[in-house]
Amino acid sequence: MEDSTDEKQSKAHAKAYLSSLLDKNLRISTTDGRLFRGCFKCTDHDQNIVLSDTFEYRRRSSAPSEKAPETPSDVALSAEAQSAPAADDGSGNMSSRYLGMVVVPGQHVVKMELEEFASQRATRKLAV
């Protein structure tokens, strides 16, 4: 079955848009309430998203939980997460940790946002 001209243009536009996002910082919200913030590297036909230099943010649980003794790697991750910029949800009730490179399953993606500063948006508007 051959694609119509409109479908081909739509696919070309979608491909160009995804290509423009490569190496940009994205925020990915998932069905379980977590937020992943990292550099967009690629996606696939199943809409899985690969991010590098990724931080995971999630709401702190309200009830204290029993925690296993910390390993040296847990301590290192905790130190890196504390030095990371906090996700701004207004409540300060988020915990974070550094994950590095991750694959976010497409079936769990709720929202994908391009993270950019006001100066970047102004420059982009001038270029268009």
Protein backbone atom coordinates (compact mmCIF):
# COMPACT_ATOMS: atom_id res chain seq x y z
CA MET A 1 0.00 0.00 0.00
CA GLU A 2 1.50 3.30 -1.09
CA ASP A 3 1.38 6.41 1.14
CA SER A 4 -0.55 9.40 -0.17
CA THR A 5 1.28 12.69 -0.74
CA ASP A 6 -0.26 14.16 2.45
CA GLU A 7 0.90 11.18 4.51
CA LYS A 8 4.42 11.46 3.09
CA GLN A 9 4.54 15.18 3.90
CA SER A 10 3.22 14.52 7.39
CA LYS A 11 5.85 11.83 8.01
CA ALA A 12 8.59 14.09 6.65
CA HIS A 13 7.42 16.91 8.91
CA ALA A 14 7.33 14.60 11.96
CA LYS A 15 10.81 13.29 11.17
CA ALA A 16 12.17 16.83 10.78
CA TYR A 17 10.60 17.87 14.09
CA LEU A 18 12.07 14.89 15.95
CA SER A 19 15.45 15.58 14.36
CA SER A 20 15.27 19.17 15.62
CA LEU A 21 14.89 17.83 19.17
CA LEU A 22 18.09 15.76 19.06
CA ASP A 23 20.54 16.76 21.82
CA LYS A 24 17.97 19.09 23.40
CA ASN A 25 16.89 18.80 27.04
CA LEU A 26 13.46 17.22 27.47
CA ARG A 27 11.17 16.62 30.42
CA ILE A 28 9.22 13.37 30.16
CA SER A 29 6.25 12.75 32.50
CA THR A 30 5.18 9.13 32.98
CA THR A 31 2.01 7.31 34.01
CA ASP A 32 3.39 6.57 37.49
CA GLY A 33 3.99 10.27 38.22
CA ARG A 34 7.74 10.33 37.68
CA LEU A 35 9.53 12.99 35.66
CA PHE A 36 12.68 12.31 33.65
CA ARG A 37 14.86 15.23 32.61
CA GLY A 38 17.65 14.54 30.15
CA CYS A 39 19.20 15.03 26.73
CA PHE A 40 17.13 13.49 23.89
CA LYS A 41 19.14 10.95 21.89
CA CYS A 42 16.64 8.87 19.90
CA THR A 43 13.26 7.23 19.66
CA ASP A 44 11.87 4.17 17.86
CA HIS A 45 8.67 2.90 16.24
CA ASP A 46 7.29 1.94 19.67
CA GLN A 47 7.74 5.55 20.85
CA ASN A 48 10.37 4.56 23.42
CA ILE A 49 12.56 7.57 24.24
CA VAL A 50 16.29 7.42 24.98
CA LEU A 51 17.71 10.19 27.19
CA SER A 52 21.29 10.71 28.34
CA ASP A 53 22.50 12.57 31.46
CA THR A 54 19.09 11.90 32.97
CA PHE A 55 17.72 12.83 36.37
CA GLU A 56 14.60 11.16 37.73
CA TYR A 57 12.24 13.20 39.91
CA ARG A 58 9.41 11.72 41.94
CA ARG A 59 7.18 12.71 44.81
CA ARG A 60 8.44 11.79 48.24
CA SER A 61 6.26 9.24 49.97
CA SER A 62 4.34 10.69 52.90
CA ALA A 63 4.96 7.67 55.13
CA PRO A 64 8.49 6.83 56.25
CA SER A 65 9.62 3.54 54.77
CA GLU A 66 12.16 1.06 55.98
CA LYS A 67 15.26 1.40 53.93
CA ALA A 68 18.03 -1.10 53.28
CA PRO A 69 21.52 -0.06 54.40
CA GLU A 70 23.17 2.27 51.90
CA THR A 71 25.94 0.98 49.68
CA PRO A 72 28.80 3.22 48.52
CA SER A 73 27.12 3.56 45.11
CA ASP A 74 23.87 4.68 46.80
CA VAL A 75 25.80 7.36 48.67
CA ALA A 76 27.45 8.54 45.43
CA LEU A 77 24.09 8.67 43.63
CA SER A 78 22.57 10.58 46.53
CA ALA A 79 25.38 13.15 46.45
CA GLU A 80 24.96 13.64 42.68
CA ALA A 81 21.20 13.97 43.00
CA GLN A 82 21.53 16.59 45.73
CA SER A 83 23.76 18.68 43.47
CA ALA A 84 21.25 18.43 40.61
CA PRO A 85 18.81 21.25 39.96
CA ALA A 86 15.49 20.49 41.60
CA ALA A 87 12.32 19.96 39.63
CA ASP A 88 10.09 22.93 40.27
CA ASP A 89 6.67 21.68 41.24
CA GLY A 90 6.20 24.49 43.74
CA SER A 91 5.93 22.21 46.77
CA GLY A 92 9.53 21.14 47.29
CA ASN A 93 8.16 17.64 47.78
CA MET A 94 10.24 15.95 45.06
CA SER A 95 13.21 13.64 45.42
CA SER A 96 15.71 13.20 42.62
CA ARG A 97 18.47 10.89 41.55
CA TYR A 98 20.91 10.74 38.67
CA LEU A 99 20.35 7.80 36.31
CA GLY A 100 22.60 8.51 33.32
CA MET A 101 21.27 6.99 30.09
CA VAL A 102 17.71 5.65 30.22
CA VAL A 103 15.01 4.29 27.95
CA VAL A 104 11.56 5.58 28.85
CA PRO A 105 8.96 3.11 27.51
CA GLY A 106 6.64 4.85 25.07
CA GLN A 107 3.54 3.23 26.56
CA HIS A 108 4.23 5.07 29.85
CA VAL A 109 4.87 8.54 28.40
CA VAL A 110 2.16 11.02 29.39
CA LYS A 111 3.82 14.28 28.37
CA MET A 112 7.03 15.33 26.64
CA GLU A 113 8.24 18.92 27.01
CA LEU A 114 11.13 20.76 25.43
CA GLU A 115 13.12 22.51 28.13
CA GLU A 116 14.41 25.86 27.00
CA PHE A 117 15.14 29.26 28.48
CA ALA A 118 13.28 32.44 27.51
CA SER A 119 16.32 33.65 25.57
CA GLN A 120 16.30 30.43 23.51
CA ARG A 121 12.61 30.88 22.68
CA ALA A 122 13.21 34.49 21.59
CA THR A 123 16.10 33.40 19.33
CA ARG A 124 13.99 30.62 17.82
CA LYS A 125 11.15 33.05 17.03
CA LEU A 126 13.58 35.40 15.28
CA ALA A 127 14.95 32.55 13.15
CA VAL A 128 11.50 31.50 11.90
